Amino acid sequence: MIDTELFQRLSEHATKWNVAVDKSLETESSLIAFGRQNNQPVVLKIIKQPGDEWNCGTILEAFNGNGFVRAYEHAPGAVLMERLMPGGSLADLSLNGRDAEAFEILADVLARMFSVEVSNLHANLTQFPTVADWAKAFDRYVASSDRQIPKTLVQAGRDVFLELCASQQQPRLLHGDLHHYNVLFDSDRSWLAIDPKGVFGELEYEVGAVMRNPAESLPLFLSSSAIERRLEQLATRLSLNYERALRWTFAQAVLSAIWSVEDGDAVDATNTALRLTEVIRPMLGK
């Protein structure tokens, strides 16, 4: 069924920003149009509902192209961006036996993001949550009647998450959901991140989503040797605290499973995030 209100919003923003739309596609969360503005290829993204990506244009503007796709215009629920071409995702490398190369690229993308001065990422960005805000999901789950995730695991994840929150060094605006499918290739500007959620936290937090992707190839990350190799690459290149990055990866995997439950998904022992916690937990001595 066509959502007329959604297409009306697309039409209004296309007119306002002088975009000639060639084609569009609908995803679970957005309506994405490909077209041209003054003969320049662009992407116009209309977010369906207020949520994680509603103000993504504000984040893109704050990073000003450093490791991110550039935003030309933005408004609540809408953003006009440069079009990345050919636009293949970083998952293609990892899924084709080049995971170490993929992580070198991820490190480079993160380095470009982290090069932006912290002070530049705080002004007028108070609408974005902190990682401590996201930790509230642990308490929501404990208070619920759901028992798909073992109680002891939820408690362990919560304890690690809260301890890390309390001992952070220099929290800053992060992507919040950086993984292989949110890093695309552009022939002019190389690899760039897309679709930020926006959260304030320390740099070590940012690696959590990367460590459980690409989800369709579990051997890439469901072994202690793979986890160690991936984290060592990032920690060495970015001067991260390896132990904190490992602990964030564990706690975020538990949080990811909780979010899946909140989204209405069935979560059992085959859940990717839960399987990752099984590998990491002995590495933490938990």
C-alpha atoms as a PDB file:
ATOM      1  CA  MET A   1       0.000   0.000   0.000  1.00  0.00           C
ATOM      2  CA  ILE A   2       1.379   3.428  -0.938  1.00  0.00           C
ATOM      3  CA  ASP A   3       1.833   5.789   1.997  1.00  0.00           C
ATOM      4  CA  THR A   4       0.559   9.011   0.457  1.00  0.00           C
ATOM      5  CA  GLU A   5       1.717  11.144   3.388  1.00  0.00           C
ATOM      6  CA  LEU A   6       5.263   9.815   2.994  1.00  0.00           C
ATOM      7  CA  PHE A   7       5.345  10.561  -0.732  1.00  0.00           C
ATOM      8  CA  GLN A   8       3.837  13.978  -0.057  1.00  0.00           C
ATOM      9  CA  ARG A   9       6.730  14.760   2.281  1.00  0.00           C
ATOM     10  CA  LEU A  10       9.144  13.572  -0.403  1.00  0.00           C
ATOM     11  CA  SER A  11       7.520  15.829  -2.971  1.00  0.00           C
ATOM     12  CA  GLU A  12       7.584  18.833  -0.636  1.00  0.00           C
ATOM     13  CA  HIS A  13      11.273  18.466   0.204  1.00  0.00           C
ATOM     14  CA  ALA A  14      12.209  17.760  -3.412  1.00  0.00           C
ATOM     15  CA  THR A  15      10.504  20.991  -4.435  1.00  0.00           C
ATOM     16  CA  LYS A  16      12.005  22.982  -1.571  1.00  0.00           C
ATOM     17  CA  TRP A  17      15.536  21.733  -2.286  1.00  0.00           C
ATOM     18  CA  ASN A  18      15.225  21.791  -6.086  1.00  0.00           C
ATOM     19  CA  VAL A  19      15.684  18.047  -6.579  1.00  0.00           C
ATOM     20  CA  ALA A  20      14.617  16.295  -9.777  1.00  0.00           C
ATOM     21  CA  VAL A  21      13.749  12.771  -8.635  1.00  0.00           C
ATOM     22  CA  ASP A  22      14.600   9.912 -11.004  1.00  0.00           C
ATOM     23  CA  LYS A  23      13.535   6.936  -8.890  1.00  0.00           C
ATOM     24  CA  SER A  24      12.733   5.986  -5.320  1.00  0.00           C
ATOM     25  CA  LEU A  25      12.685   2.932  -3.109  1.00  0.00           C
ATOM     26  CA  GLU A  26      11.105   2.223   0.237  1.00  0.00           C
ATOM     27  CA  THR A  27      12.929   0.555   3.115  1.00  0.00           C
ATOM     28  CA  GLU A  28      11.630  -0.506   6.500  1.00  0.00           C
ATOM     29  CA  SER A  29      12.423   2.881   7.991  1.00  0.00           C
ATOM     30  CA  SER A  30      12.639   5.333   5.096  1.00  0.00           C
ATOM     31  CA  LEU A  31      11.707   6.453   1.603  1.00  0.00           C
ATOM     32  CA  ILE A  32      14.866   7.024  -0.420  1.00  0.00           C
ATOM     33  CA  ALA A  33      14.870   8.985  -3.679  1.00  0.00           C
ATOM     34  CA  PHE A  34      17.717   9.204  -6.183  1.00  0.00           C
ATOM     35  CA  GLY A  35      17.911  12.272  -8.373  1.00  0.00           C
ATOM     36  CA  ARG A  36      19.803  15.417  -9.217  1.00  0.00           C
ATOM     37  CA  GLN A  37      20.175  18.895  -7.784  1.00  0.00           C
ATOM     38  CA  ASN A  38      21.634  21.354 -10.273  1.00  0.00           C
ATOM     39  CA  ASN A  39      22.849  18.388 -12.319  1.00  0.00           C
ATOM     40  CA  GLN A  40      24.634  16.889  -9.295  1.00  0.00           C
ATOM     41  CA  PRO A  41      23.687  13.318  -8.225  1.00  0.00           C
ATOM     42  CA  VAL A  42      21.983  13.363  -4.827  1.00  0.00           C
ATOM     43  CA  VAL A  43      20.019  11.159  -2.458  1.00  0.00           C
ATOM     44  CA  LEU A  44      16.933  12.468  -0.670  1.00  0.00           C
ATOM     45  CA  LYS A  45      16.015  10.421   2.396  1.00  0.00           C
ATOM     46  CA  ILE A  46      12.652  10.764   4.117  1.00  0.00           C
ATOM     47  CA  ILE A  47      12.477   8.994   7.507  1.00  0.00           C
ATOM     48  CA  LYS A  48       9.094   7.472   8.227  1.00  0.00           C
ATOM     49  CA  GLN A  49       8.765   8.031  11.963  1.00  0.00           C
ATOM     50  CA  PRO A  50      10.564  10.012  14.680  1.00  0.00           C
ATOM     51  CA  GLY A  51      13.292   7.801  16.107  1.00  0.00           C
ATOM     52  CA  ASP A  52      16.989   7.040  15.885  1.00  0.00           C
ATOM     53  CA  GLU A  53      17.537   8.554  12.431  1.00  0.00           C
ATOM     54  CA  TRP A  54      15.077  11.442  12.594  1.00  0.00           C
ATOM     55  CA  ASN A  55      17.826  14.048  13.013  1.00  0.00           C
ATOM     56  CA  CYS A  56      20.602  12.247  11.135  1.00  0.00           C
ATOM     57  CA  GLY A  57      21.142  15.309   8.953  1.00  0.00           C
ATOM     58  CA  THR A  58      22.240  17.286  12.012  1.00  0.00           C
ATOM     59  CA  ILE A  59      24.896  14.663  12.741  1.00  0.00           C
ATOM     60  CA  LEU A  60      26.147  14.638   9.158  1.00  0.00           C
ATOM     61  CA  GLU A  61      26.385  18.421   9.208  1.00  0.00           C
ATOM     62  CA  ALA A  62      28.388  18.332  12.454  1.00  0.00           C
ATOM     63  CA  PHE A  63      30.987  15.948  10.988  1.00  0.00           C
ATOM     64  CA  ASN A  64      31.150  17.967   7.759  1.00  0.00           C
ATOM     65  CA  GLY A  65      32.184  15.058   5.537  1.00  0.00           C
ATOM     66  CA  ASN A  66      34.916  13.734   7.851  1.00  0.00           C
ATOM     67  CA  GLY A  67      34.410  10.004   7.450  1.00  0.00           C
ATOM     68  CA  PHE A  68      30.737  10.572   6.607  1.00  0.00           C
ATOM     69  CA  VAL A  69      28.627  11.174   3.535  1.00  0.00           C
ATOM     70  CA  ARG A  70      27.993  14.914   3.152  1.00  0.00           C
ATOM     71  CA  ALA A  71      24.605  16.444   3.880  1.00  0.00           C
ATOM     72  CA  TYR A  72      23.606  19.355   1.643  1.00  0.00           C
ATOM     73  CA  GLU A  73      20.284  20.124   3.296  1.00  0.00           C
ATOM     74  CA  HIS A  74      18.399  18.692   6.229  1.00  0.00           C
ATOM     75  CA  ALA A  75      15.260  19.072   8.296  1.00  0.00           C
ATOM     76  CA  PRO A  76      13.633  16.899  10.962  1.00  0.00           C
ATOM     77  CA  GLY A  77      12.855  13.601   9.245  1.00  0.00           C
ATOM     78  CA  ALA A  78      14.561  14.497   5.961  1.00  0.00           C
ATOM     79  CA  VAL A  79      18.091  14.855   4.612  1.00  0.00           C
ATOM     80  CA  LEU A  80      19.563  15.602   1.192  1.00  0.00           C
ATOM     81  CA  MET A  81      22.969  13.976   0.691  1.00  0.00           C
ATOM     82  CA  GLU A  82      25.679  13.474  -1.872  1.00  0.00           C
ATOM     83  CA  ARG A  83      25.212  10.230  -3.774  1.00  0.00           C
ATOM     84  CA  LEU A  84      27.986   7.692  -3.212  1.00  0.00           C
ATOM     85  CA  MET A  85      28.851   5.820  -6.383  1.00  0.00           C
ATOM     86  CA  PRO A  86      29.073   2.913  -6.981  1.00  0.00           C
ATOM     87  CA  GLY A  87      28.003   2.609  -3.315  1.00  0.00           C
ATOM     88  CA  GLY A  88      28.949  -0.997  -2.505  1.00  0.00           C
ATOM     89  CA  SER A  89      29.128  -1.814   1.208  1.00  0.00           C
ATOM     90  CA  LEU A  90      32.128  -2.896   3.228  1.00  0.00           C
ATOM     91  CA  ALA A  91      30.385  -6.209   3.933  1.00  0.00           C
ATOM     92  CA  ASP A  92      31.358  -7.358   0.439  1.00  0.00           C
ATOM     93  CA  LEU A  93      35.031  -7.378   1.446  1.00  0.00           C
ATOM     94  CA  SER A  94      34.544  -9.319   4.674  1.00  0.00           C
ATOM     95  CA  LEU A  95      32.240 -11.835   3.015  1.00  0.00           C
ATOM     96  CA  ASN A  96      34.839 -12.467   0.308  1.00  0.00           C
ATOM     97  CA  GLY A  97      37.781 -13.367   2.526  1.00  0.00           C
ATOM     98  CA  ARG A  98      39.112  -9.837   3.048  1.00  0.00           C
ATOM     99  CA  ASP A  99      37.987  -9.138   6.607  1.00  0.00           C
ATOM    100  CA  ALA A 100      41.404  -7.877   7.727  1.00  0.00           C
ATOM    101  CA  GLU A 101      41.356  -5.373   4.858  1.00  0.00           C
ATOM    102  CA  ALA A 102      37.805  -4.370   5.792  1.00  0.00           C
ATOM    103  CA  PHE A 103      38.934  -3.602   9.327  1.00  0.00           C
ATOM    104  CA  GLU A 104      41.812  -1.473   8.081  1.00  0.00           C
ATOM    105  CA  ILE A 105      39.238   0.526   6.123  1.00  0.00           C
ATOM    106  CA  LEU A 106      36.953   0.764   9.155  1.00  0.00           C
ATOM    107  CA  ALA A 107      39.883   2.058  11.182  1.00  0.00           C
ATOM    108  CA  ASP A 108      40.538   4.707   8.542  1.00  0.00           C
ATOM    109  CA  VAL A 109      36.880   5.793   8.492  1.00  0.00           C
ATOM    110  CA  LEU A 110      36.868   6.009  12.294  1.00  0.00           C
ATOM    111  CA  ALA A 111      40.134   7.953  12.298  1.00  0.00           C
ATOM    112  CA  ARG A 112      38.582  10.540  10.006  1.00  0.00           C
ATOM    113  CA  MET A 113      35.525  10.775  12.264  1.00  0.00           C
ATOM    114  CA  PHE A 114      37.655  11.062  15.383  1.00  0.00           C
ATOM    115  CA  SER A 115      39.739  13.845  13.805  1.00  0.00           C
ATOM    116  CA  VAL A 116      36.837  16.255  14.329  1.00  0.00           C
ATOM    117  CA  GLU A 117      37.360  18.371  17.441  1.00  0.00           C
ATOM    118  CA  VAL A 118      35.187  17.282  20.368  1.00  0.00           C
ATOM    119  CA  SER A 119      34.084  20.888  20.918  1.00  0.00           C
ATOM    120  CA  ASN A 120      32.639  20.974  17.401  1.00  0.00           C
ATOM    121  CA  LEU A 121      30.385  18.022  18.223  1.00  0.00           C
ATOM    122  CA  HIS A 122      28.710  19.433  21.327  1.00  0.00           C
ATOM    123  CA  ALA A 123      27.258  22.735  20.203  1.00  0.00           C
ATOM    124  CA  ASN A 124      23.493  22.569  19.674  1.00  0.00           C
ATOM    125  CA  LEU A 125      23.479  18.760  19.737  1.00  0.00           C
ATOM    126  CA  THR A 126      21.761  18.218  23.071  1.00  0.00           C
ATOM    127  CA  GLN A 127      18.886  16.347  21.412  1.00  0.00           C
ATOM    128  CA  PHE A 128      21.014  13.229  21.078  1.00  0.00           C
ATOM    129  CA  PRO A 129      21.140  10.600  23.855  1.00  0.00           C
ATOM    130  CA  THR A 130      24.134   9.439  25.872  1.00  0.00           C
ATOM    131  CA  VAL A 131      25.168   5.813  26.167  1.00  0.00           C
ATOM    132  CA  ALA A 132      23.877   6.012  29.753  1.00  0.00           C
ATOM    133  CA  ASP A 133      20.437   6.819  28.322  1.00  0.00           C
ATOM    134  CA  TRP A 134      20.622   3.690  26.201  1.00  0.00           C
ATOM    135  CA  ALA A 135      21.490   1.656  29.313  1.00  0.00           C
ATOM    136  CA  LYS A 136      17.914   2.128  30.527  1.00  0.00           C
ATOM    137  CA  ALA A 137      16.918  -0.727  28.223  1.00  0.00           C
ATOM    138  CA  PHE A 138      18.490  -3.171  30.683  1.00  0.00           C
ATOM    139  CA  ASP A 139      16.147  -2.020  33.443  1.00  0.00           C
ATOM    140  CA  ARG A 140      13.162  -2.063  31.096  1.00  0.00           C
ATOM    141  CA  TYR A 141      13.923  -5.673  30.232  1.00  0.00           C
ATOM    142  CA  VAL A 142      14.357  -6.738  33.850  1.00  0.00           C
ATOM    143  CA  ALA A 143      11.031  -5.098  34.710  1.00  0.00           C
ATOM    144  CA  SER A 144       9.266  -6.833  31.820  1.00  0.00           C
ATOM    145  CA  SER A 145       7.825 -10.340  31.829  1.00  0.00           C
ATOM    146  CA  ASP A 146      10.021 -11.449  28.923  1.00  0.00           C
ATOM    147  CA  ARG A 147      12.473 -14.264  29.664  1.00  0.00           C
ATOM    148  CA  GLN A 148      13.983 -14.948  26.254  1.00  0.00           C
ATOM    149  CA  ILE A 149      17.372 -13.656  27.418  1.00  0.00           C
ATOM    150  CA  PRO A 150      18.906 -15.356  30.473  1.00  0.00           C
ATOM    151  CA  LYS A 151      18.567 -13.169  33.564  1.00  0.00           C
ATOM    152  CA  THR A 152      22.189 -13.751  34.574  1.00  0.00           C
ATOM    153  CA  LEU A 153      23.377 -12.559  31.165  1.00  0.00           C
ATOM    154  CA  VAL A 154      21.236  -9.426  31.325  1.00  0.00           C
ATOM    155  CA  GLN A 155      22.654  -8.641  34.759  1.00  0.00           C
ATOM    156  CA  ALA A 156      26.233  -9.233  33.611  1.00  0.00           C
ATOM    157  CA  GLY A 157      25.713  -7.037  30.561  1.00  0.00           C
ATOM    158  CA  ARG A 158      24.106  -4.308  32.662  1.00  0.00           C
ATOM    159  CA  ASP A 159      26.922  -4.349  35.213  1.00  0.00           C
ATOM    160  CA  VAL A 160      29.616  -4.035  32.549  1.00  0.00           C
ATOM    161  CA  PHE A 161      27.694  -1.370  30.616  1.00  0.00           C
ATOM    162  CA  LEU A 162      27.086   0.829  33.669  1.00  0.00           C
ATOM    163  CA  GLU A 163      30.669   0.524  34.917  1.00  0.00           C
ATOM    164  CA  LEU A 164      31.953   1.587  31.514  1.00  0.00           C
ATOM    165  CA  CYS A 165      29.473   4.482  31.379  1.00  0.00           C
ATOM    166  CA  ALA A 166      30.692   5.734  34.755  1.00  0.00           C
ATOM    167  CA  SER A 167      34.382   5.559  33.826  1.00  0.00           C
ATOM    168  CA  GLN A 168      34.329   7.009  30.298  1.00  0.00           C
ATOM    169  CA  GLN A 169      37.037   9.328  29.081  1.00  0.00           C
ATOM    170  CA  GLN A 170      36.063  12.295  26.876  1.00  0.00           C
ATOM    171  CA  PRO A 171      32.598  11.272  25.612  1.00  0.00           C
ATOM    172  CA  ARG A 172      31.799  12.752  22.201  1.00  0.00           C
ATOM    173  CA  LEU A 173      29.195  12.437  19.492  1.00  0.00           C
ATOM    174  CA  LEU A 174      29.459   9.027  17.832  1.00  0.00           C
ATOM    175  CA  HIS A 175      27.779   7.377  14.840  1.00  0.00           C
ATOM    176  CA  GLY A 176      26.026   4.972  17.197  1.00  0.00           C
ATOM    177  CA  ASP A 177      25.418   2.166  14.707  1.00  0.00           C
ATOM    178  CA  LEU A 178      28.600   1.856  12.680  1.00  0.00           C
ATOM    179  CA  HIS A 179      28.919  -1.490  10.927  1.00  0.00           C
ATOM    180  CA  HIS A 180      29.809  -2.949   7.532  1.00  0.00           C
ATOM    181  CA  TYR A 181      26.491  -2.122   5.865  1.00  0.00           C
ATOM    182  CA  ASN A 182      26.706   1.500   6.972  1.00  0.00           C
ATOM    183  CA  VAL A 183      30.060   2.059   5.245  1.00  0.00           C
ATOM    184  CA  LEU A 184      29.845   2.548   1.462  1.00  0.00           C
ATOM    185  CA  PHE A 185      32.417   3.124  -1.277  1.00  0.00           C
ATOM    186  CA  ASP A 186      32.554   6.259  -3.396  1.00  0.00           C
ATOM    187  CA  SER A 187      34.920   6.466  -6.365  1.00  0.00           C
ATOM    188  CA  ASP A 188      35.784  10.088  -5.533  1.00  0.00           C
ATOM    189  CA  ARG A 189      35.873  10.110  -1.732  1.00  0.00           C
ATOM    190  CA  SER A 190      36.647   6.459  -0.880  1.00  0.00           C
ATOM    191  CA  TRP A 191      34.821   4.750   2.027  1.00  0.00           C
ATOM    192  CA  LEU A 192      32.247   6.768   3.992  1.00  0.00           C
ATOM    193  CA  ALA A 193      29.741   6.139   6.773  1.00  0.00           C
ATOM    194  CA  ILE A 194      25.992   6.620   6.344  1.00  0.00           C
ATOM    195  CA  ASP A 195      22.848   6.417   8.518  1.00  0.00           C
ATOM    196  CA  PRO A 196      24.121   7.669  11.897  1.00  0.00           C
ATOM    197  CA  LYS A 197      21.916   7.355  14.971  1.00  0.00           C
ATOM    198  CA  GLY A 198      23.915   9.733  17.145  1.00  0.00           C
ATOM    199  CA  VAL A 199      24.916   9.017  20.740  1.00  0.00           C
ATOM    200  CA  PHE A 200      27.400  10.584  23.135  1.00  0.00           C
ATOM    201  CA  GLY A 201      30.020   8.141  24.386  1.00  0.00           C
ATOM    202  CA  GLU A 202      33.725   7.378  24.431  1.00  0.00           C
ATOM    203  CA  LEU A 203      35.513   6.190  21.298  1.00  0.00           C
ATOM    204  CA  GLU A 204      35.731   2.576  22.457  1.00  0.00           C
ATOM    205  CA  TYR A 205      31.934   2.363  22.409  1.00  0.00           C
ATOM    206  CA  GLU A 206      31.826   2.846  18.637  1.00  0.00           C
ATOM    207  CA  VAL A 207      33.349  -0.561  17.787  1.00  0.00           C
ATOM    208  CA  GLY A 208      30.541  -2.650  19.305  1.00  0.00           C
ATOM    209  CA  ALA A 209      28.260  -2.918  16.267  1.00  0.00           C
ATOM    210  CA  VAL A 210      31.186  -3.574  13.925  1.00  0.00           C
ATOM    211  CA  MET A 211      32.223  -6.583  15.998  1.00  0.00           C
ATOM    212  CA  ARG A 212      28.966  -8.476  15.377  1.00  0.00           C
ATOM    213  CA  ASN A 213      28.878  -7.961  11.618  1.00  0.00           C
ATOM    214  CA  PRO A 214      28.406  -8.940   8.861  1.00  0.00           C
ATOM    215  CA  ALA A 215      25.821 -11.073  10.632  1.00  0.00           C
ATOM    216  CA  GLU A 216      25.373 -13.596   7.822  1.00  0.00           C
ATOM    217  CA  SER A 217      28.929 -14.912   8.240  1.00  0.00           C
ATOM    218  CA  LEU A 218      29.219 -16.027  11.859  1.00  0.00           C
ATOM    219  CA  PRO A 219      32.720 -17.589  11.507  1.00  0.00           C
ATOM    220  CA  LEU A 220      34.068 -14.081  10.936  1.00  0.00           C
ATOM    221  CA  PHE A 221      33.439 -13.070  14.540  1.00  0.00           C
ATOM    222  CA  LEU A 222      32.274 -16.037  16.633  1.00  0.00           C
ATOM    223  CA  SER A 223      35.711 -17.126  17.817  1.00  0.00           C
ATOM    224  CA  SER A 224      38.063 -15.625  20.371  1.00  0.00           C
ATOM    225  CA  SER A 225      40.876 -15.479  17.795  1.00  0.00           C
ATOM    226  CA  ALA A 226      38.729 -13.486  15.335  1.00  0.00           C
ATOM    227  CA  ILE A 227      37.559 -11.124  18.085  1.00  0.00           C
ATOM    228  CA  GLU A 228      41.127 -10.553  19.264  1.00  0.00           C
ATOM    229  CA  ARG A 229      42.466  -9.948  15.752  1.00  0.00           C
ATOM    230  CA  ARG A 230      39.703  -7.489  14.872  1.00  0.00           C
ATOM    231  CA  LEU A 231      39.992  -5.533  18.116  1.00  0.00           C
ATOM    232  CA  GLU A 232      43.786  -5.455  17.986  1.00  0.00           C
ATOM    233  CA  GLN A 233      43.600  -3.939  14.489  1.00  0.00           C
ATOM    234  CA  LEU A 234      41.287  -1.164  15.652  1.00  0.00           C
ATOM    235  CA  ALA A 235      43.015  -0.586  18.993  1.00  0.00           C
ATOM    236  CA  THR A 236      46.453  -0.319  17.400  1.00  0.00           C
ATOM    237  CA  ARG A 237      45.372   1.985  14.580  1.00  0.00           C
ATOM    238  CA  LEU A 238      43.186   4.235  16.733  1.00  0.00           C
ATOM    239  CA  SER A 239      45.011   4.070  20.092  1.00  0.00           C
ATOM    240  CA  LEU A 240      41.946   2.595  21.768  1.00  0.00           C
ATOM    241  CA  ASN A 241      41.866   0.809  25.109  1.00  0.00           C
ATOM    242  CA  TYR A 242      41.600  -2.829  24.000  1.00  0.00           C
ATOM    243  CA  GLU A 243      40.040  -4.106  27.235  1.00  0.00           C
ATOM    244  CA  ARG A 244      37.366  -1.403  27.308  1.00  0.00           C
ATOM    245  CA  ALA A 245      36.525  -2.019  23.648  1.00  0.00           C
ATOM    246  CA  LEU A 246      36.142  -5.741  24.384  1.00  0.00           C
ATOM    247  CA  ARG A 247      33.887  -5.071  27.363  1.00  0.00           C
ATOM    248  CA  TRP A 248      31.759  -2.611  25.371  1.00  0.00           C
ATOM    249  CA  THR A 249      31.416  -5.252  22.650  1.00  0.00           C
ATOM    250  CA  PHE A 250      30.093  -7.745  25.202  1.00  0.00           C
ATOM    251  CA  ALA A 251      27.678  -5.337  26.904  1.00  0.00           C
ATOM    252  CA  GLN A 252      26.389  -3.964  23.595  1.00  0.00           C
ATOM    253  CA  ALA A 253      25.714  -7.473  22.329  1.00  0.00           C
ATOM    254  CA  VAL A 254      23.436  -8.047  25.327  1.00  0.00           C
ATOM    255  CA  LEU A 255      21.794  -4.663  24.691  1.00  0.00           C
ATOM    256  CA  SER A 256      21.310  -5.549  21.018  1.00  0.00           C
ATOM    257  CA  ALA A 257      19.425  -8.704  21.999  1.00  0.00           C
ATOM    258  CA  ILE A 258      17.225  -6.653  24.340  1.00  0.00           C
ATOM    259  CA  TRP A 259      16.461  -4.179  21.557  1.00  0.00           C
ATOM    260  CA  SER A 260      15.501  -7.105  19.317  1.00  0.00           C
ATOM    261  CA  VAL A 261      12.954  -8.196  21.923  1.00  0.00           C
ATOM    262  CA  GLU A 262      11.631  -4.633  22.158  1.00  0.00           C
ATOM    263  CA  ASP A 263      11.266  -4.594  18.366  1.00  0.00           C
ATOM    264  CA  GLY A 264       9.053  -7.672  18.606  1.00  0.00           C
ATOM    265  CA  ASP A 265      11.583 -10.185  17.280  1.00  0.00           C
ATOM    266  CA  ALA A 266      11.943 -13.679  18.669  1.00  0.00           C
ATOM    267  CA  VAL A 267      15.255 -14.126  20.483  1.00  0.00           C
ATOM    268  CA  ASP A 268      16.652 -17.546  21.270  1.00  0.00           C
ATOM    269  CA  ALA A 269      20.006 -19.329  21.474  1.00  0.00           C
ATOM    270  CA  THR A 270      20.559 -18.825  17.727  1.00  0.00           C
ATOM    271  CA  ASN A 271      20.495 -15.027  18.065  1.00  0.00           C
ATOM    272  CA  THR A 272      23.745 -13.623  16.677  1.00  0.00           C
ATOM    273  CA  ALA A 273      24.303 -11.132  19.500  1.00  0.00           C
ATOM    274  CA  LEU A 274      23.700 -13.764  22.180  1.00  0.00           C
ATOM    275  CA  ARG A 275      26.088 -16.166  20.493  1.00  0.00           C
ATOM    276  CA  LEU A 276      28.735 -13.453  20.504  1.00  0.00           C
ATOM    277  CA  THR A 277      28.285 -12.955  24.254  1.00  0.00           C
ATOM    278  CA  GLU A 278      28.953 -16.673  24.761  1.00  0.00           C
ATOM    279  CA  VAL A 279      32.357 -16.275  23.137  1.00  0.00           C
ATOM    280  CA  ILE A 280      33.325 -13.011  24.849  1.00  0.00           C
ATOM    281  CA  ARG A 281      32.079 -13.754  28.368  1.00  0.00           C
ATOM    282  CA  PRO A 282      34.869 -16.259  29.196  1.00  0.00           C
ATOM    283  CA  MET A 283      37.378 -13.743  27.803  1.00  0.00           C
ATOM    284  CA  LEU A 284      36.178 -11.295  30.470  1.00  0.00           C
ATOM    285  CA  GLY A 285      36.156 -13.830  33.248  1.00  0.00           C
ATOM    286  CA  LYS A 286      32.405 -13.340  33.671  1.00  0.00           C
END
